[in-house]
C-alpha atoms as a PDB file:
ATOM      1  CA  UNK A   1     114.977  93.540 100.435  1.00  0.00           C
ATOM      2  CA  UNK A   2     114.140  96.278 103.036  1.00  0.00           C
ATOM      3  CA  UNK A   3     110.991  95.833 105.209  1.00  0.00           C
ATOM      4  CA  UNK A   4     110.563 100.071 106.893  1.00  0.00           C
ATOM      5  CA  UNK A   5     107.880  99.814 109.377  1.00  0.00           C
ATOM      6  CA  UNK A   6     107.056 103.019 110.543  1.00  0.00           C
ATOM      7  CA  UNK A   7     105.131 103.167 113.983  1.00  0.00           C
ATOM      8  CA  UNK A   8     104.312 105.455 116.993  1.00  0.00           C
ATOM      9  CA  UNK A   9     103.340 105.561 121.287  1.00  0.00           C
ATOM     10  CA  UNK A  10     101.749 108.377 120.429  1.00  0.00           C
ATOM     11  CA  UNK A  11      97.920 108.633 120.867  1.00  0.00           C
ATOM     12  CA  UNK A  12      98.289 112.118 119.205  1.00  0.00           C
ATOM     13  CA  UNK A  13      98.042 113.095 115.385  1.00  0.00           C
ATOM     14  CA  UNK A  14     102.076 112.294 114.251  1.00  0.00           C
ATOM     15  CA  UNK A  15     101.281 112.557 110.099  1.00  0.00           C
ATOM     16  CA  UNK A  16     102.531 108.801 110.571  1.00  0.00           C
ATOM     17  CA  UNK A  17     100.295 107.987 107.604  1.00  0.00           C
ATOM     18  CA  UNK A  18     101.096 110.979 105.319  1.00  0.00           C
ATOM     19  CA  UNK A  19     104.971 110.446 105.970  1.00  0.00           C
ATOM     20  CA  UNK A  20     104.489 107.082 104.391  1.00  0.00           C
ATOM     21  CA  UNK A  21     102.568 107.853 101.462  1.00  0.00           C
ATOM     22  CA  UNK A  22     105.008 111.116 101.277  1.00  0.00           C
ATOM     23  CA  UNK A  23     108.674 109.242 101.117  1.00  0.00           C
ATOM     24  CA  UNK A  24     106.935 106.491  99.155  1.00  0.00           C
ATOM     25  CA  UNK A  25     106.047 108.878  96.571  1.00  0.00           C
ATOM     26  CA  UNK A  26     109.200 110.390  96.564  1.00  0.00           C
ATOM     27  CA  UNK A  27     111.585 107.255  96.441  1.00  0.00           C
ATOM     28  CA  UNK A  28     109.396 106.027  94.022  1.00  0.00           C
ATOM     29  CA  UNK A  29     109.576 109.038  91.453  1.00  0.00           C
ATOM     30  CA  UNK A  30     113.531 109.335  92.079  1.00  0.00           C
ATOM     31  CA  UNK A  31     114.905 105.956  92.443  1.00  0.00           C
ATOM     32  CA  UNK A  32     114.447 103.261  90.272  1.00  0.00           C
ATOM     33  CA  UNK A  33     113.546 100.903  93.309  1.00  0.00           C
ATOM     34  CA  UNK A  34     109.906  98.419  92.998  1.00  0.00           C
ATOM     35  CA  UNK A  35     108.270  99.711  96.095  1.00  0.00           C
ATOM     36  CA  UNK A  36     105.126  98.525  97.848  1.00  0.00           C
ATOM     37  CA  UNK A  37     103.219 100.120 100.814  1.00  0.00           C
ATOM     38  CA  UNK A  38     101.391  98.188 103.526  1.00  0.00           C
ATOM     39  CA  UNK A  39      98.722  99.873 105.213  1.00  0.00           C
ATOM     40  CA  UNK A  40      97.459  97.888 108.108  1.00  0.00           C
ATOM     41  CA  UNK A  41      94.545  99.694 109.121  1.00  0.00           C
ATOM     42  CA  UNK A  42      91.547  98.691 110.739  1.00  0.00           C
ATOM     43  CA  UNK A  43      88.046 100.326 108.871  1.00  0.00           C
ATOM     44  CA  UNK A  44      90.204 103.257 107.470  1.00  0.00           C
ATOM     45  CA  UNK A  45      91.407 103.840 103.668  1.00  0.00           C
ATOM     46  CA  UNK A  46      93.601 107.139 104.469  1.00  0.00           C
ATOM     47  CA  UNK A  47      96.434 106.163 103.154  1.00  0.00           C
ATOM     48  CA  UNK A  48      94.862 104.225  99.905  1.00  0.00           C
ATOM     49  CA  UNK A  49      93.139 107.928  99.161  1.00  0.00           C
ATOM     50  CA  UNK A  50      96.612 109.383  98.988  1.00  0.00           C
ATOM     51  CA  UNK A  51      96.870 107.370  95.549  1.00  0.00           C
ATOM     52  CA  UNK A  52      93.078 107.261  94.305  1.00  0.00           C
ATOM     53  CA  UNK A  53      89.338 108.734  94.999  1.00  0.00           C
ATOM     54  CA  UNK A  54      87.824 107.800  97.528  1.00  0.00           C
ATOM     55  CA  UNK A  55      85.028 106.668  95.685  1.00  0.00           C
ATOM     56  CA  UNK A  56      87.324 104.378  93.580  1.00  0.00           C
ATOM     57  CA  UNK A  57      89.334 102.674  96.354  1.00  0.00           C
ATOM     58  CA  UNK A  58      86.720  99.682  96.428  1.00  0.00           C
ATOM     59  CA  UNK A  59      85.179 100.134  93.332  1.00  0.00           C
ATOM     60  CA  UNK A  60      85.369  96.584  92.086  1.00  0.00           C
ATOM     61  CA  UNK A  61      86.221  96.377  88.564  1.00  0.00           C
ATOM     62  CA  UNK A  62      87.738  99.588  88.435  1.00  0.00           C
ATOM     63  CA  UNK A  63      90.555 100.045  85.639  1.00  0.00           C
ATOM     64  CA  UNK A  64      93.887 100.705  87.202  1.00  0.00           C
ATOM     65  CA  UNK A  65      96.004 103.147  86.130  1.00  0.00           C
ATOM     66  CA  UNK A  66      98.345 100.825  84.010  1.00  0.00           C
ATOM     67  CA  UNK A  67      95.098 100.154  81.987  1.00  0.00           C
ATOM     68  CA  UNK A  68      94.097  96.332  83.770  1.00  0.00           C
ATOM     69  CA  UNK A  69      91.457  95.414  86.058  1.00  0.00           C
ATOM     70  CA  UNK A  70      91.558  97.012  89.623  1.00  0.00           C
ATOM     71  CA  UNK A  71      91.141  95.128  93.142  1.00  0.00           C
ATOM     72  CA  UNK A  72      87.545  94.574  94.150  1.00  0.00           C
ATOM     73  CA  UNK A  73      87.139  93.235  97.700  1.00  0.00           C
ATOM     74  CA  UNK A  74      88.279  90.137  96.465  1.00  0.00           C
ATOM     75  CA  UNK A  75      91.636  91.377  96.209  1.00  0.00           C
ATOM     76  CA  UNK A  76      93.939  93.315  98.481  1.00  0.00           C
ATOM     77  CA  UNK A  77      94.816  91.571 102.164  1.00  0.00           C
ATOM     78  CA  UNK A  78      91.855  89.371 101.747  1.00  0.00           C
ATOM     79  CA  UNK A  79      91.788  88.448  98.443  1.00  0.00           C
ATOM     80  CA  UNK A  80      95.712  87.472  99.161  1.00  0.00           C
ATOM     81  CA  UNK A  81      95.004  85.389 102.194  1.00  0.00           C
ATOM     82  CA  UNK A  82      92.749  82.684 100.893  1.00  0.00           C
ATOM     83  CA  UNK A  83      95.321  82.429  97.964  1.00  0.00           C
ATOM     84  CA  UNK A  84      98.297  81.841 100.604  1.00  0.00           C
ATOM     85  CA  UNK A  85      95.540  79.041 102.690  1.00  0.00           C
ATOM     86  CA  UNK A  86      95.692  77.370  99.641  1.00  0.00           C
ATOM     87  CA  UNK A  87      99.103  77.067  99.342  1.00  0.00           C
ATOM     88  CA  UNK A  88      99.308  78.466  95.622  1.00  0.00           C
ATOM     89  CA  UNK A  89     102.293  81.438  96.072  1.00  0.00           C
ATOM     90  CA  UNK A  90     104.925  82.854  93.983  1.00  0.00           C
ATOM     91  CA  UNK A  91     107.398  85.665  94.374  1.00  0.00           C
ATOM     92  CA  UNK A  92     105.027  87.301  92.180  1.00  0.00           C
ATOM     93  CA  UNK A  93     102.123  86.616  94.541  1.00  0.00           C
ATOM     94  CA  UNK A  94     101.960  89.829  96.583  1.00  0.00           C
ATOM     95  CA  UNK A  95     101.704  92.072  93.349  1.00  0.00           C
ATOM     96  CA  UNK A  96      99.181  90.656  91.805  1.00  0.00           C
ATOM     97  CA  UNK A  97      96.960  91.275  94.904  1.00  0.00           C
ATOM     98  CA  UNK A  98      97.989  94.949  94.976  1.00  0.00           C
ATOM     99  CA  UNK A  99      97.259  97.850  93.231  1.00  0.00           C
ATOM    100  CA  UNK A 100      99.700 100.070  91.049  1.00  0.00           C
ATOM    101  CA  UNK A 101     100.152 103.180  91.583  1.00  0.00           C
ATOM    102  CA  UNK A 102     103.034 104.092  89.033  1.00  0.00           C
ATOM    103  CA  UNK A 103     103.778 101.029  86.639  1.00  0.00           C
ATOM    104  CA  UNK A 104     107.319  98.629  88.029  1.00  0.00           C
ATOM    105  CA  UNK A 105     107.396 101.769  90.731  1.00  0.00           C
ATOM    106  CA  UNK A 106     104.795 101.561  93.729  1.00  0.00           C
ATOM    107  CA  UNK A 107     102.074  99.680  94.513  1.00  0.00           C
ATOM    108  CA  UNK A 108      99.620  99.347  97.565  1.00  0.00           C
ATOM    109  CA  UNK A 109      98.711  96.245  98.855  1.00  0.00           C
ATOM    110  CA  UNK A 110      94.721  97.418  99.986  1.00  0.00           C
ATOM    111  CA  UNK A 111      94.094  97.144 103.894  1.00  0.00           C
ATOM    112  CA  UNK A 112      91.559  95.079 105.037  1.00  0.00           C
ATOM    113  CA  UNK A 113      87.896  95.385 103.955  1.00  0.00           C
ATOM    114  CA  UNK A 114      86.054  94.317 106.902  1.00  0.00           C
ATOM    115  CA  UNK A 115      84.242  96.454 109.295  1.00  0.00           C
ATOM    116  CA  UNK A 116      84.589  93.276 112.037  1.00  0.00           C
ATOM    117  CA  UNK A 117      87.717  94.000 114.843  1.00  0.00           C
ATOM    118  CA  UNK A 118      87.366  89.953 115.355  1.00  0.00           C
ATOM    119  CA  UNK A 119      87.752  89.395 111.798  1.00  0.00           C
ATOM    120  CA  UNK A 120      90.457  92.132 111.252  1.00  0.00           C
ATOM    121  CA  UNK A 121      92.640  90.603 113.772  1.00  0.00           C
ATOM    122  CA  UNK A 122      92.572  87.384 112.500  1.00  0.00           C
ATOM    123  CA  UNK A 123      94.121  89.259 108.954  1.00  0.00           C
ATOM    124  CA  UNK A 124      96.745  90.921 110.877  1.00  0.00           C
ATOM    125  CA  UNK A 125      98.109  87.129 111.613  1.00  0.00           C
ATOM    126  CA  UNK A 126      99.240  87.000 107.828  1.00  0.00           C
ATOM    127  CA  UNK A 127     101.491  90.524 107.617  1.00  0.00           C
ATOM    128  CA  UNK A 128     103.983  88.918 108.665  1.00  0.00           C
ATOM    129  CA  UNK A 129     104.058  85.902 106.087  1.00  0.00           C
ATOM    130  CA  UNK A 130     103.276  88.094 103.609  1.00  0.00           C
ATOM    131  CA  UNK A 131     106.075  90.384 104.020  1.00  0.00           C
ATOM    132  CA  UNK A 132     108.583  87.790 103.764  1.00  0.00           C
ATOM    133  CA  UNK A 133     106.462  86.823 100.343  1.00  0.00           C
ATOM    134  CA  UNK A 134     106.851  90.875  99.761  1.00  0.00           C
ATOM    135  CA  UNK A 135     110.326  91.254 100.163  1.00  0.00           C
ATOM    136  CA  UNK A 136     111.178  88.246  97.392  1.00  0.00           C
ATOM    137  CA  UNK A 137     110.258  90.739  94.897  1.00  0.00           C
ATOM    138  CA  UNK A 138     110.269  94.348  95.822  1.00  0.00           C
ATOM    139  CA  UNK A 139     112.808  96.539  96.755  1.00  0.00           C
ATOM    140  CA  UNK A 140     111.407  98.155  99.712  1.00  0.00           C
ATOM    141  CA  UNK A 141     108.383  97.366 101.406  1.00  0.00           C
ATOM    142  CA  UNK A 142     107.326 100.604 103.304  1.00  0.00           C
ATOM    143  CA  UNK A 143     104.992  99.119 106.707  1.00  0.00           C
ATOM    144  CA  UNK A 144     102.664 101.825 107.888  1.00  0.00           C
ATOM    145  CA  UNK A 145     101.421 100.248 111.438  1.00  0.00           C
ATOM    146  CA  UNK A 146      98.724 100.751 112.841  1.00  0.00           C
ATOM    147  CA  UNK A 147      97.727 100.933 116.665  1.00  0.00           C
ATOM    148  CA  UNK A 148      95.507  98.962 116.241  1.00  0.00           C
ATOM    149  CA  UNK A 149      97.304  96.028 115.011  1.00  0.00           C
ATOM    150  CA  UNK A 150      97.478  93.327 118.113  1.00  0.00           C
ATOM    151  CA  UNK A 151     100.098  93.312 120.032  1.00  0.00           C
ATOM    152  CA  UNK A 152     101.779  89.946 118.809  1.00  0.00           C
ATOM    153  CA  UNK A 153     101.140  90.478 115.190  1.00  0.00           C
ATOM    154  CA  UNK A 154     103.334  93.920 115.342  1.00  0.00           C
ATOM    155  CA  UNK A 155     105.382  92.900 116.917  1.00  0.00           C
ATOM    156  CA  UNK A 156     106.208  90.628 114.847  1.00  0.00           C
ATOM    157  CA  UNK A 157     106.162  92.930 112.150  1.00  0.00           C
ATOM    158  CA  UNK A 158     108.739  95.253 114.070  1.00  0.00           C
ATOM    159  CA  UNK A 159     110.961  91.677 114.485  1.00  0.00           C
ATOM    160  CA  UNK A 160     111.232  91.444 110.668  1.00  0.00           C
ATOM    161  CA  UNK A 161     111.503  95.280 109.973  1.00  0.00           C
ATOM    162  CA  UNK A 162     115.402  96.575 108.716  1.00  0.00           C
ATOM    163  CA  UNK A 163     114.489  99.583 109.841  1.00  0.00           C
ATOM    164  CA  UNK A 164     112.001 100.997 112.663  1.00  0.00           C
ATOM    165  CA  UNK A 165     110.497 104.571 112.296  1.00  0.00           C
ATOM    166  CA  UNK A 166     109.409 106.083 115.046  1.00  0.00           C
ATOM    167  CA  UNK A 167     107.043 108.999 114.344  1.00  0.00           C
ATOM    168  CA  UNK A 168     106.672 112.064 116.460  1.00  0.00           C
ATOM    169  CA  UNK A 169     105.032 115.268 117.217  1.00  0.00           C
ATOM    170  CA  UNK A 170     106.568 118.699 118.321  1.00  0.00           C
ATOM    171  CA  UNK A 171     104.969 118.525 121.946  1.00  0.00           C
ATOM    172  CA  UNK A 172     107.190 118.209 124.631  1.00  0.00           C
ATOM    173  CA  UNK A 173     105.249 115.947 126.435  1.00  0.00           C
ATOM    174  CA  UNK A 174     105.927 113.589 123.424  1.00  0.00           C
ATOM    175  CA  UNK A 175     109.451 114.369 123.490  1.00  0.00           C
ATOM    176  CA  UNK A 176     109.631 113.498 126.642  1.00  0.00           C
ATOM    177  CA  UNK A 177     107.789 110.594 126.747  1.00  0.00           C
ATOM    178  CA  UNK A 178     110.049 108.910 124.330  1.00  0.00           C
ATOM    179  CA  UNK A 179     112.945 110.018 125.985  1.00  0.00           C
ATOM    180  CA  UNK A 180     111.795 107.946 128.994  1.00  0.00           C
ATOM    181  CA  UNK A 181     110.530 105.110 127.194  1.00  0.00           C
ATOM    182  CA  UNK A 182     114.229 105.034 125.233  1.00  0.00           C
ATOM    183  CA  UNK A 183     115.921 104.766 128.734  1.00  0.00           C
ATOM    184  CA  UNK A 184     113.841 102.295 130.011  1.00  0.00           C
ATOM    185  CA  UNK A 185     113.724 100.344 127.195  1.00  0.00           C
ATOM    186  CA  UNK A 186     116.562  98.484 124.857  1.00  0.00           C
ATOM    187  CA  UNK A 187     114.621  98.242 121.718  1.00  0.00           C
ATOM    188  CA  UNK A 188     114.952 102.117 121.256  1.00  0.00           C
ATOM    189  CA  UNK A 189     118.166 102.541 121.298  1.00  0.00           C
ATOM    190  CA  UNK A 190     118.734  99.492 118.493  1.00  0.00           C
ATOM    191  CA  UNK A 191     120.892 101.092 115.897  1.00  0.00           C
ATOM    192  CA  UNK A 192     118.106 100.253 113.135  1.00  0.00           C
ATOM    193  CA  UNK A 193     115.586 102.746 114.786  1.00  0.00           C
ATOM    194  CA  UNK A 194     114.997 105.950 113.364  1.00  0.00           C
ATOM    195  CA  UNK A 195     113.077 109.120 114.348  1.00  0.00           C
ATOM    196  CA  UNK A 196     110.583 111.326 112.083  1.00  0.00           C
ATOM    197  CA  UNK A 197     108.552 114.013 113.305  1.00  0.00           C
ATOM    198  CA  UNK A 198     105.231 114.600 110.964  1.00  0.00           C
ATOM    199  CA  UNK A 199     102.704 117.658 110.469  1.00  0.00           C
ATOM    200  CA  UNK A 200     106.309 119.115 110.937  1.00  0.00           C
ATOM    201  CA  UNK A 201     106.660 122.721 111.544  1.00  0.00           C
ATOM    202  CA  UNK A 202     109.958 124.542 111.054  1.00  0.00           C
ATOM    203  CA  UNK A 203     108.813 127.777 113.098  1.00  0.00           C
ATOM    204  CA  UNK A 204     108.513 125.512 116.582  1.00  0.00           C
ATOM    205  CA  UNK A 205     110.325 126.261 118.940  1.00  0.00           C
ATOM    206  CA  UNK A 206     110.997 121.737 118.989  1.00  0.00           C
ATOM    207  CA  UNK A 207     112.301 121.922 115.136  1.00  0.00           C
ATOM    208  CA  UNK A 208     114.339 119.175 114.081  1.00  0.00           C
ATOM    209  CA  UNK A 209     117.705 120.702 115.113  1.00  0.00           C
ATOM    210  CA  UNK A 210     116.752 121.436 118.776  1.00  0.00           C
ATOM    211  CA  UNK A 211     114.596 118.506 119.345  1.00  0.00           C
ATOM    212  CA  UNK A 212     118.067 116.508 117.551  1.00  0.00           C
ATOM    213  CA  UNK A 213     119.863 118.371 120.248  1.00  0.00           C
ATOM    214  CA  UNK A 214     117.387 117.852 123.367  1.00  0.00           C
ATOM    215  CA  UNK A 215     117.213 113.357 122.686  1.00  0.00           C
ATOM    216  CA  UNK A 216     121.481 113.646 122.606  1.00  0.00           C
ATOM    217  CA  UNK A 217     120.905 111.818 118.617  1.00  0.00           C
ATOM    218  CA  UNK A 218     124.054 111.873 116.804  1.00  0.00           C
ATOM    219  CA  UNK A 219     122.378 112.555 113.424  1.00  0.00           C
ATOM    220  CA  UNK A 220     119.497 115.345 112.459  1.00  0.00           C
ATOM    221  CA  UNK A 221     115.785 113.755 113.033  1.00  0.00           C
ATOM    222  CA  UNK A 222     113.991 113.558 109.732  1.00  0.00           C
ATOM    223  CA  UNK A 223     111.048 115.578 109.227  1.00  0.00           C
ATOM    224  CA  UNK A 224     108.094 115.733 106.931  1.00  0.00           C
ATOM    225  CA  UNK A 225     106.382 119.346 107.023  1.00  0.00           C
ATOM    226  CA  UNK A 226     103.059 119.718 107.129  1.00  0.00           C
ATOM    227  CA  UNK A 227     102.020 121.359 103.550  1.00  0.00           C
ATOM    228  CA  UNK A 228      98.589 122.283 103.093  1.00  0.00           C
ATOM    229  CA  UNK A 229      98.905 121.404  98.944  1.00  0.00           C
ATOM    230  CA  UNK A 230     100.115 117.832  99.940  1.00  0.00           C
ATOM    231  CA  UNK A 231      96.973 117.463 102.483  1.00  0.00           C
ATOM    232  CA  UNK A 232      94.098 118.539  99.589  1.00  0.00           C
ATOM    233  CA  UNK A 233      96.428 116.347  97.281  1.00  0.00           C
ATOM    234  CA  UNK A 234      95.974 113.584  99.481  1.00  0.00           C
ATOM    235  CA  UNK A 235      92.010 113.884 100.602  1.00  0.00           C
ATOM    236  CA  UNK A 236      91.742 114.245  96.312  1.00  0.00           C
ATOM    237  CA  UNK A 237      94.066 111.059  95.555  1.00  0.00           C
ATOM    238  CA  UNK A 238      96.799 113.292  93.345  1.00  0.00           C
ATOM    239  CA  UNK A 239      99.631 112.727  95.727  1.00  0.00           C
ATOM    240  CA  UNK A 240     101.678 111.429  92.573  1.00  0.00           C
ATOM    241  CA  UNK A 241     100.505 114.886  90.751  1.00  0.00           C
ATOM    242  CA  UNK A 242     101.905 116.969  93.289  1.00  0.00           C
ATOM    243  CA  UNK A 243     104.908 115.286  94.023  1.00  0.00           C
ATOM    244  CA  UNK A 244     105.733 115.126  90.097  1.00  0.00           C
ATOM    245  CA  UNK A 245     104.705 119.130  90.467  1.00  0.00           C
ATOM    246  CA  UNK A 246     107.243 119.961  93.360  1.00  0.00           C
ATOM    247  CA  UNK A 247     110.098 117.946  92.901  1.00  0.00           C
ATOM    248  CA  UNK A 248     112.286 119.958  90.417  1.00  0.00           C
ATOM    249  CA  UNK A 249     111.437 123.420  92.541  1.00  0.00           C
ATOM    250  CA  UNK A 250     114.658 125.803  92.118  1.00  0.00           C
ATOM    251  CA  UNK A 251     113.398 129.026  93.511  1.00  0.00           C
ATOM    252  CA  UNK A 252     114.447 129.185  96.970  1.00  0.00           C
ATOM    253  CA  UNK A 253     110.579 131.487  97.143  1.00  0.00           C
ATOM    254  CA  UNK A 254     108.396 128.914  96.242  1.00  0.00           C
ATOM    255  CA  UNK A 255     106.191 128.287  99.017  1.00  0.00           C
ATOM    256  CA  UNK A 256     107.348 124.173  98.560  1.00  0.00           C
ATOM    257  CA  UNK A 257     110.712 124.947  98.435  1.00  0.00           C
ATOM    258  CA  UNK A 258     111.227 123.469 102.069  1.00  0.00           C
ATOM    259  CA  UNK A 259     108.956 120.857 101.984  1.00  0.00           C
ATOM    260  CA  UNK A 260     110.805 119.022  99.100  1.00  0.00           C
ATOM    261  CA  UNK A 261     114.071 119.998 100.964  1.00  0.00           C
ATOM    262  CA  UNK A 262     112.795 118.043 104.180  1.00  0.00           C
ATOM    263  CA  UNK A 263     111.076 114.961 102.295  1.00  0.00           C
ATOM    264  CA  UNK A 264     114.774 114.393  99.870  1.00  0.00           C
ATOM    265  CA  UNK A 265     116.303 114.413 103.011  1.00  0.00           C
ATOM    266  CA  UNK A 266     113.924 112.002 105.002  1.00  0.00           C
ATOM    267  CA  UNK A 267     114.275 110.031 101.803  1.00  0.00           C
ATOM    268  CA  UNK A 268     117.595 109.671 101.721  1.00  0.00           C
ATOM    269  CA  UNK A 269     118.472 109.352 105.648  1.00  0.00           C
ATOM    270  CA  UNK A 270     116.667 106.342 105.394  1.00  0.00           C
ATOM    271  CA  UNK A 271     118.493 105.284 102.502  1.00  0.00           C
ATOM    272  CA  UNK A 272     121.669 106.126 103.730  1.00  0.00           C
ATOM    273  CA  UNK A 273     120.797 103.994 107.083  1.00  0.00           C
ATOM    274  CA  UNK A 274     119.957 100.569 105.341  1.00  0.00           C
ATOM    275  CA  UNK A 275     123.296 101.010 103.276  1.00  0.00           C
ATOM    276  CA  UNK A 276     125.195 101.729 107.048  1.00  0.00           C
ATOM    277  CA  UNK A 277     122.805  98.579 108.886  1.00  0.00           C
ATOM    278  CA  UNK A 278     124.250  96.144 105.578  1.00  0.00           C
ATOM    279  CA  UNK A 279     127.686  97.421 105.989  1.00  0.00           C
ATOM    280  CA  UNK A 280     127.893  95.752 109.276  1.00  0.00           C
ATOM    281  CA  UNK A 281     126.930  93.074 108.251  1.00  0.00           C
END
C-alpha cells in the first residue's frame, strides 16, 4: 500500500514533524486504515513525544495502550534490524517492533536510540527495506524524512514513495527558493509531488491561496495551521486526545474550527492524489 514521505529542503522550521503526526492521527481516527508512522530522526524523539509522555518513550518494559509490553532498547528500528539480519521475516515483522498508538489503526516505529552519527548512518541504510516490508501489512505508511539521513538513503526512500510531500514555510525566500529549484530539477515537477505549508498562519500575506497562485499550482496547496493547543498536546504526548476533542467541532466561533478544516483538507488531498495516481496505472 502507499508510502507518503514528508520532506523539506528548508533549514528553517517548517513544522514537518508536527504535520506528519497531525495528519496520521486524523487519518487513523477518521478512516479504517492501518497506518504506520516512521520517524527517521537522529537523537530526536519529537515525533514519538506527540503520542507519549517524554519520560515514557524509551522506558523499557512500560505498558502500551493496548495492554501489551511496550518497546525497549531492543525493539524499534534497532531491534527490527537485528531480526532482519537473522533472515527471520514475516508480513507482520515491522508491526512486531512498532509501538501501538491506536489499536489496529495507528502504530509508530520508534526511531534510532543511538547518539553516534556513524551508527545512525548504518541504521538508515535499512529504511528502504523496512518500508518494503511495512508496505505488505499497513494500508498507509507515513515517513518523516529527517535532513540528517545520508543522501543515498534519503534518495532510496523518496524513490519508493508513492507521494512526496514537500514542506514549505511562509517566508518569501523559501517560496522563491522552491520555485527556482523546481525550474532546475525535474523531480519537483513530478505528478506525485505535493506541497504543504506547515505552522500555517492564514492571516499572512503568503496564505495558501496566494502561494498557490504565485507558484502557479493547479490545486490549492495544503496547510497545517499552527495551533497552540496542538503544540501543547504534542509536548505532553496527548495529540490523540486533542484530535478526538476537536474533530467534530461545528461551532463557527470555536478557535479550532479552521484548524480542523485545514487538517481534513490536507488529509483528503493526499488520499485524492493517491487515487488519482492509481487511476493512471
